[in-house]
Amino acid sequence: MEKALLVNVATSKREKDEAEESMRELAGLAAAAGAEVSRKVFQARPRVSPRYFVGEGKAAELARLRGEAGADLVIFDHNLTATQQRNLEDRIKTKVIDRTQLILDIFAQRARTNEGKLQVELAQLNYLLPRLRGRGLGLTQQGAGIGTRGPGEKKLEEDRRRITDRITKIKKDISGLEKRRLNQRESRRESPVPTVSLVGYTSAGKSTLFNLLTDERRYTSPNLFSTLDPLLRRVSYPDGLHFFLSDTVGFIKKLPVELVTSFRATLEEVREADAVCHIIDLASPDSESHLGAVETILKDIGAGGLPVVRVLNKIDLLPEEERELLVRRNADPAARTVAISAKTGQGVEDLLEKLRSVLFRRHRLYHLRVPKDKPEITHSLPRRAMILRRRESEHFLEFKVMADPAVIVNFLPYLEQGDPW
């Protein structure tokens, strides 16, 4: 396991106030990448140094601390220029990476599907391409470790033209996958079954809740970005009503622009949902700032206007009195907040009821009796209403459906009064 020094530089009072929180997150990212944090280094200065990002004295101190701690790399909680990175490596005599490179490294480890791997490689190449100027082969460091995963040494040793060609090829491949995803979204849009998108700060418990609601066995971990590739599954109510639940990568502050660009199609899954289920880790000391970060990203990707149910997760880690107070406070059916424990299942039934009220608030229960010589009616019905039950007699097909009253006007001649079931 590599040992890492973490470095944070604050150039304003706000950054200084947030430095501890930001470094906690960076330490979590380093651990997720497989590094052991040996020391954290802070510096406050009016502006960053164009040469070292930190001051020359701090750069000398980092070289000394690295030797004392036996660190294999230094990780900056910021984005470095190629020149700053090269100067720091020359001064400290070890590998130096920035926050974006660290996150890209984690994504490279986590991607499992072909689409995910292509998206990560595209993000890494877009990050590395402008850094080739003036560095040549020195950009690629032989050997394994954090910051060297992904496109691989051979690709990085190619000239700019060949890397540009690779980027073009990846974009073409991703475009084909995006078209398939777009077709899937178009099919869902024509379906009366709504979609709920799970969002939240990374490690908030999204995948644990996804597994619980869908009986899925998806991998979960306390590490940041433990799951990356998107997934869509059906969630059903006892009466047959159902919706699709989608889960994708967790959000994070200062999400690299390369990743936002590469994962545009994946993030559009959130924007196309009918509602958002925002998971908040109550046990995190930074839950308030995480909530704000997620809401900002939702606005940035065009999902800020969607109905949102806030899910206060991990109440099992709270003191009993505080836990009971939260549950009572959010018991109002009209409230868009619910306290749960995805681990124990407490409050999950309340969450499902709140989602039901959001997704199907305009829906009503109807019974239809359609003659068998009206196939155009029976064929169009599943695209307009959710069929809960169906039965057949000699001359008729009967349906128990949930639908918006605006839709059911197309089937008025076939409505049955009362409950024939």
Protein backbone atom coordinates (compact mmCIF):
# COMPACT_ATOMS: atom_id res chain seq x y z
CA MET A 1 0.00 0.00 0.00
CA GLU A 2 1.31 3.41 -0.97
CA LYS A 3 1.81 6.07 1.70
CA ALA A 4 0.57 9.56 0.89
CA LEU A 5 1.04 13.10 2.10
CA LEU A 6 -2.10 15.22 1.66
CA VAL A 7 -1.82 18.95 0.94
CA ASN A 8 -4.49 21.64 1.20
CA VAL A 9 -3.95 25.32 0.41
CA ALA A 10 -6.48 27.97 1.51
CA THR A 11 -6.46 31.35 -0.23
CA SER A 12 -9.62 32.75 1.40
CA LYS A 13 -11.41 32.65 4.75
CA ARG A 14 -14.09 30.36 3.31
CA GLU A 15 -11.50 27.88 2.05
CA LYS A 16 -9.73 28.03 5.41
CA ASP A 17 -13.01 27.28 7.24
CA GLU A 18 -13.69 24.33 4.92
CA ALA A 19 -10.14 22.99 4.90
CA GLU A 20 -10.66 20.28 7.54
CA GLU A 21 -13.81 18.97 5.85
CA SER A 22 -12.14 19.00 2.44
CA MET A 23 -9.13 17.12 3.79
CA ARG A 24 -11.35 14.49 5.42
CA GLU A 25 -12.87 13.89 2.03
CA LEU A 26 -9.47 13.78 0.33
CA ALA A 27 -8.32 11.23 2.91
CA GLY A 28 -11.39 9.13 2.06
CA LEU A 29 -10.58 9.39 -1.64
CA ALA A 30 -6.97 8.38 -1.01
CA ALA A 31 -8.13 5.36 1.01
CA ALA A 32 -10.57 4.42 -1.76
CA ALA A 33 -7.67 4.49 -4.22
CA GLY A 34 -5.63 2.21 -1.97
CA ALA A 35 -3.32 4.66 -0.19
CA GLU A 36 -2.50 5.04 3.49
CA VAL A 37 -2.49 8.66 4.64
CA SER A 38 0.70 9.34 6.58
CA ARG A 39 0.30 13.09 7.13
CA LYS A 40 -1.89 16.09 6.31
CA VAL A 41 -0.30 19.44 5.47
CA PHE A 42 -2.13 22.78 5.43
CA GLN A 43 -1.06 26.19 4.19
CA ALA A 44 -2.88 29.53 4.12
CA ARG A 45 -1.58 32.11 1.64
CA PRO A 46 -3.15 35.02 -0.27
CA ARG A 47 -2.64 33.36 -3.66
CA VAL A 48 -1.26 30.13 -5.07
CA SER A 49 2.29 30.01 -6.36
CA PRO A 50 2.53 29.61 -10.15
CA ARG A 51 5.69 27.54 -9.61
CA TYR A 52 4.81 25.12 -6.80
CA PHE A 53 1.16 25.99 -5.95
CA VAL A 54 2.46 26.15 -2.33
CA GLY A 55 5.22 28.56 -1.33
CA GLU A 56 8.87 27.62 -1.83
CA GLY A 57 9.34 27.13 1.91
CA LYS A 58 6.36 24.79 2.08
CA ALA A 59 7.67 22.86 -0.93
CA ALA A 60 10.94 22.34 0.93
CA GLU A 61 8.98 21.25 4.01
CA LEU A 62 7.01 18.74 1.91
CA ALA A 63 10.29 17.25 0.67
CA ARG A 64 11.47 16.84 4.27
CA LEU A 65 8.15 15.43 5.52
CA ARG A 66 8.00 12.97 2.65
CA GLY A 67 11.38 11.59 3.65
CA GLU A 68 10.43 11.39 7.32
CA ALA A 69 7.14 9.65 6.61
CA GLY A 70 8.48 7.40 3.88
CA ALA A 71 5.67 8.59 1.60
CA ASP A 72 5.43 7.30 -1.96
CA LEU A 73 3.32 10.15 -3.29
CA VAL A 74 1.93 13.60 -2.50
CA ILE A 75 -1.73 14.36 -3.21
CA PHE A 76 -2.94 17.94 -3.58
CA ASP A 77 -6.57 18.77 -2.74
CA HIS A 78 -6.62 21.04 -5.79
CA ASN A 79 -6.01 20.96 -9.53
CA LEU A 80 -2.38 21.49 -10.52
CA THR A 81 -0.99 22.70 -13.82
CA ALA A 82 1.47 20.46 -15.65
CA THR A 83 4.25 22.89 -14.75
CA GLN A 84 3.38 22.92 -11.05
CA GLN A 85 3.19 19.13 -11.00
CA ARG A 86 6.58 18.76 -12.71
CA ASN A 87 8.25 21.35 -10.45
CA LEU A 88 6.85 19.69 -7.32
CA GLU A 89 8.03 16.24 -8.41
CA ASP A 90 11.51 17.64 -9.09
CA ARG A 91 11.58 19.38 -5.69
CA ILE A 92 10.01 16.65 -3.53
CA LYS A 93 11.58 13.73 -5.43
CA THR A 94 8.41 11.66 -5.57
CA LYS A 95 5.17 11.29 -7.50
CA VAL A 96 2.72 14.20 -7.16
CA ILE A 97 -0.93 14.02 -8.25
CA ASP A 98 -3.87 16.39 -7.89
CA ARG A 99 -7.47 15.86 -6.81
CA THR A 100 -8.77 15.31 -10.34
CA GLN A 101 -6.14 12.66 -11.12
CA LEU A 102 -6.97 10.88 -7.86
CA ILE A 103 -10.70 10.76 -8.63
CA LEU A 104 -10.04 9.57 -12.17
CA ASP A 105 -7.84 6.81 -10.74
CA ILE A 106 -10.67 5.65 -8.46
CA PHE A 107 -13.11 5.65 -11.35
CA ALA A 108 -10.64 3.57 -13.38
CA GLN A 109 -10.64 0.98 -10.59
CA ARG A 110 -14.43 0.96 -10.18
CA ALA A 111 -15.64 0.82 -13.82
CA ARG A 112 -16.96 -2.63 -14.70
CA THR A 113 -19.04 -2.26 -17.87
CA ASN A 114 -17.62 -1.46 -21.28
CA GLU A 115 -19.41 1.90 -21.28
CA GLY A 116 -18.03 2.81 -17.87
CA LYS A 117 -14.48 1.92 -18.89
CA LEU A 118 -14.75 3.95 -22.09
CA GLN A 119 -16.13 6.97 -20.21
CA VAL A 120 -13.30 6.84 -17.66
CA GLU A 121 -10.62 6.44 -20.33
CA LEU A 122 -12.05 9.41 -22.23
CA ALA A 123 -11.97 11.53 -19.06
CA GLN A 124 -8.38 10.50 -18.34
CA LEU A 125 -7.16 11.22 -21.86
CA ASN A 126 -8.91 14.62 -21.89
CA TYR A 127 -7.18 15.37 -18.57
CA LEU A 128 -3.75 14.21 -19.79
CA LEU A 129 -3.74 15.60 -23.32
CA PRO A 130 -3.01 19.26 -22.47
CA ARG A 131 -0.32 18.07 -20.03
CA LEU A 132 1.69 16.39 -22.78
CA ARG A 133 3.01 19.75 -23.97
CA GLY A 134 6.51 20.20 -22.65
CA ARG A 135 6.57 16.94 -20.77
CA GLY A 136 6.80 14.33 -23.48
CA LEU A 137 7.45 10.85 -22.17
CA GLY A 138 8.13 12.23 -18.70
CA LEU A 139 4.38 12.33 -18.17
CA THR A 140 4.28 8.56 -17.94
CA GLN A 141 5.93 7.10 -14.89
CA GLN A 142 6.92 3.48 -15.18
CA GLY A 143 5.51 1.22 -12.49
CA ALA A 144 2.21 0.73 -10.74
CA GLY A 145 0.37 2.87 -8.23
CA ILE A 146 -2.17 5.64 -7.87
CA GLY A 147 -2.29 7.99 -10.83
CA THR A 148 -0.96 5.41 -13.31
CA ARG A 149 -4.12 3.36 -13.93
CA GLY A 150 -6.42 3.63 -16.90
CA PRO A 151 -5.17 4.41 -20.40
CA GLY A 152 -1.87 2.67 -19.56
CA GLU A 153 1.75 3.47 -20.21
CA LYS A 154 1.80 2.43 -23.86
CA LYS A 155 -1.05 4.78 -24.81
CA LEU A 156 0.45 7.70 -22.93
CA GLU A 157 3.79 7.21 -24.72
CA GLU A 158 2.11 7.75 -28.07
CA ASP A 159 2.29 11.18 -29.68
CA ARG A 160 -0.46 13.75 -29.39
CA ARG A 161 -1.95 12.82 -32.77
CA ARG A 162 -2.41 9.18 -31.83
CA ILE A 163 -3.93 10.12 -28.47
CA THR A 164 -6.28 12.50 -30.26
CA ASP A 165 -7.23 9.66 -32.61
CA ARG A 166 -7.94 7.45 -29.60
CA ILE A 167 -10.18 10.15 -28.09
CA THR A 168 -12.09 10.40 -31.38
CA LYS A 169 -12.53 6.62 -31.47
CA ILE A 170 -13.77 6.48 -27.86
CA LYS A 171 -16.23 9.33 -28.50
CA LYS A 172 -17.59 7.41 -31.49
CA ASP A 173 -18.00 4.23 -29.43
CA ILE A 174 -19.66 6.12 -26.58
CA SER A 175 -21.95 7.87 -29.06
CA GLY A 176 -23.23 4.47 -30.20
CA LEU A 177 -23.87 3.45 -26.60
CA GLU A 178 -25.57 6.79 -25.95
CA LYS A 179 -27.95 6.17 -28.87
CA ARG A 180 -28.90 2.83 -27.36
CA ARG A 181 -29.45 4.48 -23.97
CA LEU A 182 -31.50 7.21 -25.66
CA ASN A 183 -33.69 4.57 -27.32
CA GLN A 184 -34.21 2.91 -23.94
CA ARG A 185 -35.19 6.25 -22.42
CA GLU A 186 -37.59 6.93 -25.30
CA SER A 187 -39.24 3.54 -24.67
CA ARG A 188 -39.60 4.34 -20.98
CA ARG A 189 -40.98 7.78 -21.81
CA GLU A 190 -43.75 6.13 -23.83
CA SER A 191 -44.50 3.81 -20.91
CA PRO A 192 -46.87 4.81 -18.09
CA VAL A 193 -44.37 3.40 -15.55
CA PRO A 194 -42.50 6.27 -13.85
CA THR A 195 -38.79 6.32 -12.99
CA VAL A 196 -37.16 7.42 -9.73
CA SER A 197 -33.47 8.31 -9.72
CA LEU A 198 -31.41 7.70 -6.58
CA VAL A 199 -28.90 10.49 -6.04
CA GLY A 200 -26.68 11.43 -3.18
CA TYR A 201 -23.19 12.25 -2.07
CA THR A 202 -20.84 9.33 -2.53
CA SER A 203 -21.00 6.78 0.33
CA ALA A 204 -24.37 8.13 1.54
CA GLY A 205 -25.90 4.63 1.30
CA LYS A 206 -27.52 4.72 -2.14
CA SER A 207 -26.53 1.22 -3.17
CA THR A 208 -27.59 -0.25 0.17
CA LEU A 209 -31.04 1.30 -0.26
CA PHE A 210 -31.16 0.22 -3.91
CA ASN A 211 -30.44 -3.38 -2.88
CA LEU A 212 -33.13 -3.25 -0.19
CA LEU A 213 -35.85 -1.87 -2.47
CA THR A 214 -35.09 -4.12 -5.44
CA ASP A 215 -33.82 -7.32 -3.76
CA GLU A 216 -30.63 -6.73 -5.70
CA ARG A 217 -27.21 -7.99 -4.58
CA ARG A 218 -25.19 -5.05 -5.81
CA TYR A 219 -21.76 -4.50 -4.26
CA THR A 220 -21.71 -2.01 -1.38
CA SER A 221 -18.80 -0.54 0.54
CA PRO A 222 -18.11 2.39 2.89
CA ASN A 223 -15.46 3.56 0.41
CA LEU A 224 -16.16 6.55 -1.80
CA PHE A 225 -17.38 5.67 -5.31
CA SER A 226 -17.83 2.00 -4.40
CA THR A 227 -20.24 1.67 -7.34
CA LEU A 228 -19.97 3.44 -10.65
CA ASP A 229 -21.97 1.82 -13.43
CA PRO A 230 -25.70 2.73 -13.62
CA LEU A 231 -28.42 0.20 -12.91
CA LEU A 232 -32.21 0.18 -13.44
CA ARG A 233 -34.57 -2.16 -11.61
CA ARG A 234 -38.32 -2.47 -10.92
CA VAL A 235 -39.85 -1.76 -7.49
CA SER A 236 -43.38 -3.13 -6.91
CA TYR A 237 -46.14 -2.40 -4.39
CA PRO A 238 -48.36 -5.18 -3.04
CA ASP A 239 -51.28 -4.10 -5.24
CA GLY A 240 -49.20 -4.39 -8.43
CA LEU A 241 -48.38 -0.69 -8.85
CA HIS A 242 -44.69 -0.26 -9.64
CA PHE A 243 -41.93 2.08 -10.77
CA PHE A 244 -38.37 1.87 -12.07
CA LEU A 245 -35.51 2.79 -9.75
CA SER A 246 -32.18 3.92 -11.20
CA ASP A 247 -28.89 4.11 -9.34
CA THR A 248 -25.68 5.67 -10.62
CA VAL A 249 -22.43 7.20 -9.42
CA GLY A 250 -22.41 9.23 -6.21
CA PHE A 251 -21.80 12.96 -6.41
CA ILE A 252 -18.87 14.81 -4.87
CA LYS A 253 -17.71 18.41 -4.50
CA LYS A 254 -15.46 19.69 -7.23
CA LEU A 255 -16.43 16.80 -9.51
CA PRO A 256 -13.82 16.93 -12.31
CA VAL A 257 -15.17 18.58 -15.43
CA GLU A 258 -13.65 15.74 -17.47
CA LEU A 259 -15.93 13.28 -15.67
CA VAL A 260 -19.03 15.45 -16.02
CA THR A 261 -18.37 15.64 -19.78
CA SER A 262 -17.59 11.94 -20.21
CA PHE A 263 -20.53 10.78 -18.07
CA ARG A 264 -23.03 13.19 -19.62
CA ALA A 265 -25.27 10.39 -20.91
CA THR A 266 -25.26 8.66 -17.53
CA LEU A 267 -26.11 11.87 -15.69
CA GLU A 268 -28.93 12.49 -18.15
CA GLU A 269 -30.64 9.45 -16.63
CA VAL A 270 -31.20 11.62 -13.56
CA ARG A 271 -32.59 14.51 -15.60
CA GLU A 272 -35.05 12.23 -17.42
CA ALA A 273 -36.49 10.75 -14.20
CA ASP A 274 -40.00 11.56 -12.94
CA ALA A 275 -38.72 12.12 -9.40
CA VAL A 276 -35.47 12.20 -7.45
CA CYS A 277 -34.76 10.34 -4.23
CA HIS A 278 -31.95 12.31 -2.54
CA ILE A 279 -30.06 10.17 0.02
CA ILE A 280 -28.39 12.12 2.83
CA ASP A 281 -25.92 10.54 5.28
CA LEU A 282 -27.05 11.78 8.69
CA ALA A 283 -24.01 10.22 10.36
CA SER A 284 -21.59 12.37 8.35
CA PRO A 285 -20.35 15.54 10.10
CA ASP A 286 -20.47 17.20 6.67
CA SER A 287 -24.04 16.22 5.76
CA GLU A 288 -25.23 19.83 5.35
CA SER A 289 -22.50 20.77 2.90
CA HIS A 290 -22.95 17.46 1.06
CA LEU A 291 -26.67 18.21 0.67
CA GLY A 292 -25.86 21.59 -0.86
CA ALA A 293 -23.27 20.06 -3.21
CA VAL A 294 -25.76 17.51 -4.54
CA GLU A 295 -28.46 20.13 -5.06
CA THR A 296 -25.98 22.30 -6.97
CA ILE A 297 -25.04 19.41 -9.27
CA LEU A 298 -28.73 18.60 -9.85
CA LYS A 299 -29.27 22.18 -11.01
CA ASP A 300 -26.14 22.06 -13.18
CA ILE A 301 -27.36 18.97 -15.07
CA GLY A 302 -30.86 20.36 -15.53
CA ALA A 303 -32.61 18.25 -12.87
CA GLY A 304 -33.21 21.02 -10.35
CA GLY A 305 -36.94 21.26 -11.11
CA LEU A 306 -37.81 17.60 -10.51
CA PRO A 307 -39.88 16.52 -7.48
CA VAL A 308 -37.45 15.51 -4.72
CA VAL A 309 -37.93 13.24 -1.72
CA ARG A 310 -35.15 13.76 0.81
CA VAL A 311 -34.10 10.56 2.56
CA LEU A 312 -32.26 11.02 5.86
CA ASN A 313 -30.29 7.78 5.98
CA LYS A 314 -28.37 5.95 8.75
CA ILE A 315 -30.68 6.87 11.62
CA ASP A 316 -29.59 3.59 13.24
CA LEU A 317 -26.32 5.39 14.08
CA LEU A 318 -28.10 8.19 15.97
CA PRO A 319 -29.01 8.22 19.70
CA GLU A 320 -32.48 6.75 20.31
CA GLU A 321 -34.12 10.04 21.35
CA GLU A 322 -32.81 11.88 18.31
CA ARG A 323 -33.86 9.01 16.06
CA GLU A 324 -37.44 8.97 17.38
CA LEU A 325 -37.70 12.75 17.05
CA LEU A 326 -36.68 12.61 13.41
CA VAL A 327 -39.18 9.85 12.63
CA ARG A 328 -42.05 11.80 14.29
CA ARG A 329 -41.07 15.05 12.62
CA ASN A 330 -41.25 13.47 9.16
CA ALA A 331 -44.42 11.43 9.74
CA ASP A 332 -46.59 14.02 7.95
CA PRO A 333 -47.71 12.37 4.66
CA ALA A 334 -47.41 15.73 2.93
CA ALA A 335 -43.74 16.10 3.91
CA ARG A 336 -41.13 15.36 1.25
CA THR A 337 -38.60 14.14 3.84
CA VAL A 338 -38.33 10.73 5.50
CA ALA A 339 -35.86 9.31 8.03
CA ILE A 340 -34.69 5.75 7.37
CA SER A 341 -32.00 3.18 7.92
CA ALA A 342 -31.20 1.39 4.67
CA LYS A 343 -29.18 -1.06 6.74
CA THR A 344 -31.98 -2.15 9.13
CA GLY A 345 -34.99 -1.27 6.95
CA GLN A 346 -36.51 1.16 9.48
CA GLY A 347 -38.61 3.82 7.74
CA VAL A 348 -38.38 2.23 4.29
CA GLU A 349 -42.17 1.57 4.16
CA ASP A 350 -42.72 5.27 4.86
CA LEU A 351 -40.34 6.11 2.03
CA LEU A 352 -42.25 3.90 -0.40
CA GLU A 353 -45.53 5.58 0.57
CA LYS A 354 -44.03 9.03 0.03
CA LEU A 355 -42.73 7.99 -3.38
CA ARG A 356 -46.15 6.58 -4.21
CA SER A 357 -47.82 9.89 -3.33
CA VAL A 358 -45.34 11.80 -5.50
CA LEU A 359 -45.38 9.49 -8.52
CA PHE A 360 -49.08 8.60 -8.61
CA ARG A 361 -50.72 11.63 -7.00
CA ARG A 362 -52.99 12.18 -10.03
CA HIS A 363 -53.69 8.50 -10.68
CA ARG A 364 -57.01 6.82 -9.95
CA LEU A 365 -58.16 3.21 -9.98
CA TYR A 366 -60.35 2.15 -12.94
CA HIS A 367 -61.95 -1.03 -14.27
CA LEU A 368 -62.28 -1.58 -18.01
CA ARG A 369 -64.22 -4.17 -19.98
CA VAL A 370 -63.10 -4.30 -23.60
CA PRO A 371 -64.68 -6.47 -26.32
CA LYS A 372 -62.27 -8.88 -27.93
CA ASP A 373 -63.07 -7.44 -31.34
CA LYS A 374 -61.38 -4.16 -30.25
CA PRO A 375 -57.67 -5.18 -30.39
CA GLU A 376 -56.60 -1.59 -31.03
CA ILE A 377 -57.92 -0.70 -27.56
CA THR A 378 -56.27 -3.58 -25.72
CA HIS A 379 -52.97 -2.96 -27.53
CA SER A 380 -52.89 0.75 -26.67
CA LEU A 381 -53.90 0.32 -23.03
CA PRO A 382 -50.47 -0.81 -21.65
CA ARG A 383 -48.87 2.31 -23.15
CA ARG A 384 -51.33 4.60 -21.36
CA ALA A 385 -52.17 2.96 -18.05
CA MET A 386 -50.58 0.65 -15.50
CA ILE A 387 -52.33 -2.71 -15.66
CA LEU A 388 -52.66 -4.20 -12.17
CA ARG A 389 -54.81 -7.19 -13.06
CA ARG A 390 -56.20 -8.79 -16.22
CA ARG A 391 -58.74 -11.53 -16.87
CA GLU A 392 -60.46 -12.96 -19.87
CA SER A 393 -64.00 -14.18 -20.58
CA GLU A 394 -65.54 -15.53 -23.76
CA HIS A 395 -66.15 -12.16 -25.37
CA PHE A 396 -64.30 -9.64 -23.23
CA LEU A 397 -60.93 -8.73 -21.74
CA GLU A 398 -61.22 -7.07 -18.34
CA PHE A 399 -58.57 -4.85 -16.79
CA LYS A 400 -57.92 -3.29 -13.41
CA VAL A 401 -55.72 -0.25 -14.08
CA MET A 402 -54.20 2.85 -12.48
CA ALA A 403 -54.19 5.87 -14.75
CA ASP A 404 -54.31 9.63 -14.91
CA PRO A 405 -57.92 10.83 -15.44
CA ALA A 406 -56.68 12.77 -18.48
CA VAL A 407 -55.67 9.47 -20.07
CA ILE A 408 -58.72 7.47 -19.16
CA VAL A 409 -61.01 9.73 -21.21
CA ASN A 410 -59.80 7.75 -24.24
CA PHE A 411 -61.42 4.62 -22.75
CA LEU A 412 -64.73 6.01 -21.44
CA PRO A 413 -66.94 3.60 -23.44
CA TYR A 414 -65.30 0.68 -21.67
CA LEU A 415 -65.41 1.88 -18.07
CA GLU A 416 -67.08 -0.37 -15.50
CA GLN A 417 -68.71 1.10 -12.41
CA GLY A 418 -67.91 -0.29 -8.97
CA ASP A 419 -65.39 -3.06 -8.33
CA PRO A 420 -66.21 -6.18 -10.36
CA TRP A 421 -63.13 -7.95 -9.04
